[in-house]
Structure formats: C-alpha cells, structure tokens
C-alpha cells in the first residue's frame, strides 16, 4: 500500500534511476517520462508478419529504450517494467482488427529453475495483463518447458532451432485449448525459434488456431515474404 506523504518524501530524497537512460527522476512510474514517451517512436505497424510460417504480431521494435528496459526487467526481478508495454500489445491487436480472434491465452513458459532464478515468468506476467484487458482466460499449464536452453542471443536461427528442439511439451491442462483460438504470448521474438518450438508443442492439443503476440521484435529478424497458407 502506498502512503502518499511518506512515498513522496522518499521520491524527493531518494529519486529512482531510470533503467533505460539511467537518469534520476521523481515520478511514480518505474520509467522516466522521457523514455516512456520514446516508446511511442518504437511502435510497429499493427499487422502480422510471417516468421517460420507463423503469424506473429509485435507491438514494438526491440531498440532503445526497450533494449535496456526488458533486460532490466528480467535481471532485476522487476516485472512491473513490462506493464507499459501491455497497452501497446492490446492496441496492436485492436488496430490489426484481431481483438476478437483469441478465445484464450497461453504464455510461452520459462523452465521452473529459470523462473525461480528470475523470480517470475515474464510471459505469464504479460499474459495476465493482456488477459485482464481483453477479458480472456490465461492457461498457464497448457505448455511445459521440458529443459533449460542457454541464452542464444548471438546464435543463428538454425542453431537456435536445433537447441530448442523438444524444449516444450504439452502440459497437464493442454486439453483446455482444444478447438479454441489461442493467443500465444512471449516478450521478445528474436529469430522465431522459441515461438516455433512452442507452437509445435501446442499444436498437439488441437487448437482451432494459433496467433503469436510479443511485446517486441528485433530489427534483424528474417521475415518470410509470403504469409501462411491458412488462417491462424
């Protein structure tokens, strides 16, 4: 619970450091207003792109200030740093006229040991927030991360696909998404390898369709020129 007078005094004498620009500021948010405004410049066109034969919708380009904010959110156990991105994710769905497509939400899960290390699961955190805005259920136990994969930011798409082979399996509640249109959520799509592995595991649950939604997309990702042959 926030006690206004005490909290205001703390902000006055102990200002926060913005995780993006590292400047000190005294606002209530965890990110300074300058960097929050800069997020608008990184909004992507609200349209799905085809990545590894998957339709993927991303709200922002993974560039400054997001390339500072997202790593800070993960390494410093600050899930609230993701909160400003949720509105952009939902806005992208609405602008792309896909708001009514999903019937349920599935987060791309972390391995349990990685979740304990980080303190939370960022995809689940985003999924809950998106679910509240769209009034959709979030199914956390539909997918299971079966093994840990090392960080692969510098690996090629081919190496990432190989490393992530069989990294996911259907969870004990996979049947809950049978014949439903699923919104699969993750924080960042880099090569598409993680989403591809998760989609393959999810397909065994026989959903009616799968649309991927991420908070951000890297600029160097390879986008296939032609869309998938069938709807999501």
Protein backbone atom coordinates (compact mmCIF):
# COMPACT_ATOMS: atom_id res chain seq x y z
CA UNK A 1 0.00 0.00 0.00
CA UNK A 2 1.36 3.42 -0.95
CA UNK A 3 1.37 6.06 1.83
CA UNK A 4 1.39 9.31 -0.20
CA UNK A 5 3.27 11.61 2.17
CA UNK A 6 5.93 9.06 3.07
CA UNK A 7 6.32 7.90 -0.54
CA UNK A 8 6.62 11.47 -1.80
CA UNK A 9 9.35 12.14 0.74
CA UNK A 10 11.19 9.03 -0.42
CA UNK A 11 10.95 10.20 -4.04
CA UNK A 12 12.26 13.60 -3.03
CA UNK A 13 15.30 12.37 -1.15
CA UNK A 14 15.82 9.05 -2.94
CA UNK A 15 14.86 9.54 -6.62
CA UNK A 16 14.67 6.50 -8.87
CA UNK A 17 17.15 5.66 -11.61
CA UNK A 18 15.50 5.06 -14.98
CA UNK A 19 16.51 1.61 -16.28
CA UNK A 20 16.76 2.96 -19.85
CA UNK A 21 18.56 6.30 -19.67
CA UNK A 22 19.97 5.90 -16.13
CA UNK A 23 18.87 9.42 -15.24
CA UNK A 24 17.37 10.08 -11.83
CA UNK A 25 13.71 11.06 -11.70
CA UNK A 26 10.98 11.59 -9.11
CA UNK A 27 7.86 10.29 -10.83
CA UNK A 28 5.69 7.43 -9.58
CA UNK A 29 6.39 5.16 -12.57
CA UNK A 30 9.44 2.91 -12.77
CA UNK A 31 10.48 4.50 -16.09
CA UNK A 32 11.04 8.22 -16.60
CA UNK A 33 8.54 10.16 -18.72
CA UNK A 34 11.15 10.86 -21.41
CA UNK A 35 11.77 7.15 -22.01
CA UNK A 36 8.06 6.31 -21.75
CA UNK A 37 7.38 8.86 -24.49
CA UNK A 38 10.23 7.39 -26.54
CA UNK A 39 8.39 4.07 -26.60
CA UNK A 40 5.87 5.60 -28.99
CA UNK A 41 8.63 6.02 -31.57
CA UNK A 42 9.25 2.26 -31.49
CA UNK A 43 5.67 1.20 -32.19
CA UNK A 44 5.48 -1.19 -35.14
CA UNK A 45 2.83 -1.25 -37.81
CA UNK A 46 -0.12 -3.21 -36.48
CA UNK A 47 0.00 -6.16 -38.86
CA UNK A 48 1.08 -9.77 -38.55
CA UNK A 49 4.32 -10.87 -40.16
CA UNK A 50 5.21 -14.38 -41.21
CA UNK A 51 8.12 -15.84 -39.23
CA UNK A 52 8.93 -19.52 -39.73
CA UNK A 53 5.43 -19.95 -41.19
CA UNK A 54 3.83 -18.46 -38.08
CA UNK A 55 1.73 -15.28 -37.95
CA UNK A 56 3.38 -13.00 -35.38
CA UNK A 57 2.14 -9.63 -34.18
CA UNK A 58 4.59 -7.45 -32.24
CA UNK A 59 3.89 -4.10 -30.63
CA UNK A 60 7.37 -2.54 -30.52
CA UNK A 61 10.77 -2.69 -32.16
CA UNK A 62 13.42 -4.08 -29.85
CA UNK A 63 15.50 -0.91 -29.82
CA UNK A 64 16.22 1.83 -27.32
CA UNK A 65 14.71 2.22 -24.77
CA UNK A 66 13.27 -1.32 -24.82
CA UNK A 67 16.69 -2.92 -25.26
CA UNK A 68 17.50 -1.51 -21.82
CA UNK A 69 14.10 -1.87 -20.15
CA UNK A 70 13.44 -5.54 -20.95
CA UNK A 71 16.85 -6.86 -19.81
CA UNK A 72 16.49 -4.82 -16.60
CA UNK A 73 13.03 -6.28 -16.02
CA UNK A 74 14.43 -9.79 -16.32
CA UNK A 75 17.69 -9.41 -14.41
CA UNK A 76 16.43 -7.25 -11.55
CA UNK A 77 13.14 -9.05 -10.81
CA UNK A 78 11.03 -6.06 -11.80
CA UNK A 79 8.03 -7.42 -13.73
CA UNK A 80 6.28 -4.05 -13.48
CA UNK A 81 8.72 -2.71 -16.07
CA UNK A 82 6.72 -4.73 -18.62
CA UNK A 83 3.44 -3.04 -17.69
CA UNK A 84 3.77 -0.02 -20.05
CA UNK A 85 4.12 -2.45 -22.97
CA UNK A 86 0.81 -4.21 -22.37
CA UNK A 87 -1.29 -1.31 -23.61
CA UNK A 88 0.71 -1.28 -26.85
CA UNK A 89 0.24 -5.04 -27.29
CA UNK A 90 -3.53 -4.76 -26.91
CA UNK A 91 -3.60 -1.68 -29.14
CA UNK A 92 -1.79 -3.64 -31.87
CA UNK A 93 -4.41 -6.40 -31.68
CA UNK A 94 -7.19 -3.85 -32.00
CA UNK A 95 -5.54 -1.88 -34.80
CA UNK A 96 -4.94 -5.11 -36.72
CA UNK A 97 -8.62 -5.98 -36.17
CA UNK A 98 -7.63 -9.14 -34.32
CA UNK A 99 -9.02 -8.24 -30.91
CA UNK A 100 -11.88 -10.71 -31.31
CA UNK A 101 -9.70 -13.52 -32.68
CA UNK A 102 -8.34 -15.15 -29.49
CA UNK A 103 -10.54 -17.17 -27.18
CA UNK A 104 -7.82 -17.98 -24.67
CA UNK A 105 -4.22 -17.00 -23.89
CA UNK A 106 -1.21 -19.26 -23.42
CA UNK A 107 2.14 -17.86 -22.25
CA UNK A 108 5.44 -19.28 -23.52
CA UNK A 109 6.74 -20.77 -20.26
CA UNK A 110 10.13 -20.50 -18.63
CA UNK A 111 11.77 -23.60 -17.23
CA UNK A 112 10.93 -23.88 -13.49
CA UNK A 113 14.57 -23.43 -12.47
CA UNK A 114 14.89 -20.30 -14.63
CA UNK A 115 11.65 -18.96 -13.16
CA UNK A 116 12.96 -19.47 -9.62
CA UNK A 117 16.20 -17.76 -10.57
CA UNK A 118 14.42 -14.77 -12.17
CA UNK A 119 11.66 -14.55 -9.58
CA UNK A 120 8.80 -14.57 -12.07
CA UNK A 121 7.82 -15.62 -15.59
CA UNK A 122 7.70 -12.60 -17.88
CA UNK A 123 5.42 -14.20 -20.49
CA UNK A 124 2.92 -15.16 -17.80
CA UNK A 125 3.07 -11.65 -16.35
CA UNK A 126 2.32 -10.16 -19.79
CA UNK A 127 -0.38 -12.74 -20.46
CA UNK A 128 -2.25 -11.95 -17.25
CA UNK A 129 -2.19 -8.23 -18.01
CA UNK A 130 -3.35 -8.73 -21.61
CA UNK A 131 -5.99 -11.19 -20.41
CA UNK A 132 -7.40 -8.64 -17.97
CA UNK A 133 -7.68 -6.01 -20.71
CA UNK A 134 -9.34 -8.42 -23.16
CA UNK A 135 -11.33 -10.35 -20.55
CA UNK A 136 -9.77 -13.64 -21.64
CA UNK A 137 -8.64 -16.63 -19.56
CA UNK A 138 -4.94 -17.41 -19.28
CA UNK A 139 -3.96 -21.08 -19.40
CA UNK A 140 -0.62 -21.45 -17.65
CA UNK A 141 -0.47 -25.25 -17.64
CA UNK A 142 -1.14 -25.88 -21.31
CA UNK A 143 2.56 -25.76 -22.23
CA UNK A 144 5.51 -27.09 -20.26
CA UNK A 145 9.18 -26.21 -20.65
CA UNK A 146 10.94 -29.56 -20.53
CA UNK A 147 14.54 -28.45 -20.42
CA UNK A 148 16.72 -25.39 -19.96
CA UNK A 149 18.22 -23.81 -23.05
CA UNK A 150 21.22 -21.48 -22.67
CA UNK A 151 20.99 -17.83 -23.77
CA UNK A 152 21.29 -17.76 -27.56
CA UNK A 153 21.12 -14.08 -28.47
CA UNK A 154 24.11 -14.35 -30.79
CA UNK A 155 23.22 -17.73 -32.32
CA UNK A 156 21.88 -18.16 -35.83
CA UNK A 157 18.28 -19.13 -36.41
CA UNK A 158 19.36 -22.63 -37.42
CA UNK A 159 21.38 -23.12 -34.22
CA UNK A 160 18.53 -21.80 -32.10
CA UNK A 161 16.04 -24.13 -33.79
CA UNK A 162 18.34 -27.08 -33.11
CA UNK A 163 18.86 -26.09 -29.47
CA UNK A 164 15.14 -25.62 -28.86
CA UNK A 165 14.06 -28.91 -30.45
CA UNK A 166 11.71 -30.66 -28.00
CA UNK A 167 12.22 -27.88 -25.41
CA UNK A 168 8.44 -27.74 -24.90
CA UNK A 169 5.76 -30.35 -24.42
CA UNK A 170 2.00 -30.23 -23.81
CA UNK A 171 1.17 -29.55 -20.17
CA UNK A 172 -1.32 -31.40 -18.00
CA UNK A 173 -4.10 -28.99 -18.96
CA UNK A 174 -3.41 -28.98 -22.70
CA UNK A 175 -6.91 -30.26 -23.46
CA UNK A 176 -8.33 -26.92 -22.29
CA UNK A 177 -7.37 -25.27 -25.59
CA UNK A 178 -8.74 -27.97 -27.87
CA UNK A 179 -10.81 -26.36 -30.66
CA UNK A 180 -10.10 -22.86 -29.32
CA UNK A 181 -8.27 -19.97 -31.00
CA UNK A 182 -5.12 -19.39 -28.96
CA UNK A 183 -3.12 -16.21 -28.42
CA UNK A 184 0.46 -17.35 -27.66
CA UNK A 185 2.36 -14.62 -25.79
CA UNK A 186 6.08 -14.00 -25.25
CA UNK A 187 8.14 -10.90 -24.50
CA UNK A 188 10.53 -10.73 -27.49
CA UNK A 189 10.80 -12.59 -30.79
CA UNK A 190 14.41 -12.73 -31.99
CA UNK A 191 14.64 -15.45 -34.63
CA UNK A 192 11.28 -17.11 -34.08
CA UNK A 193 12.88 -20.33 -32.84
CA UNK A 194 11.32 -20.22 -29.37
CA UNK A 195 7.86 -19.43 -30.70
CA UNK A 196 8.20 -22.14 -33.34
CA UNK A 197 9.09 -24.78 -30.74
CA UNK A 198 6.22 -23.68 -28.51
CA UNK A 199 3.75 -23.71 -31.42
CA UNK A 200 4.78 -27.24 -32.40
CA UNK A 201 4.11 -28.49 -28.86
CA UNK A 202 0.85 -26.57 -28.66
CA UNK A 203 -0.45 -27.97 -31.93
CA UNK A 204 -0.66 -31.45 -30.40
CA UNK A 205 -3.50 -30.08 -28.24
CA UNK A 206 -5.53 -29.48 -31.43
CA UNK A 207 -6.36 -25.78 -31.05
CA UNK A 208 -8.54 -24.15 -33.70
CA UNK A 209 -5.70 -21.77 -34.49
CA UNK A 210 -2.66 -20.01 -33.03
CA UNK A 211 -1.70 -16.34 -33.24
CA UNK A 212 1.59 -15.21 -31.66
CA UNK A 213 1.79 -11.87 -29.87
CA UNK A 214 5.01 -10.38 -28.49
CA UNK A 215 5.84 -7.12 -26.80
CA UNK A 216 8.81 -6.57 -29.11
CA UNK A 217 10.54 -7.82 -32.26
CA UNK A 218 14.21 -7.49 -33.09
CA UNK A 219 15.07 -5.43 -36.14
CA UNK A 220 17.24 -8.08 -37.81
CA UNK A 221 14.68 -10.85 -37.75
CA UNK A 222 14.11 -12.64 -41.03
CA UNK A 223 10.52 -12.15 -42.14
CA UNK A 224 9.20 -14.50 -44.79
CA UNK A 225 7.70 -12.59 -47.72
CA UNK A 226 4.60 -14.73 -48.00
CA UNK A 227 2.09 -15.31 -45.26
CA UNK A 228 0.89 -18.71 -44.06
CA UNK A 229 -1.33 -20.62 -46.46
CA UNK A 230 -4.21 -20.77 -43.98
CA UNK A 231 -5.60 -18.53 -41.31
CA UNK A 232 -4.03 -18.63 -37.89
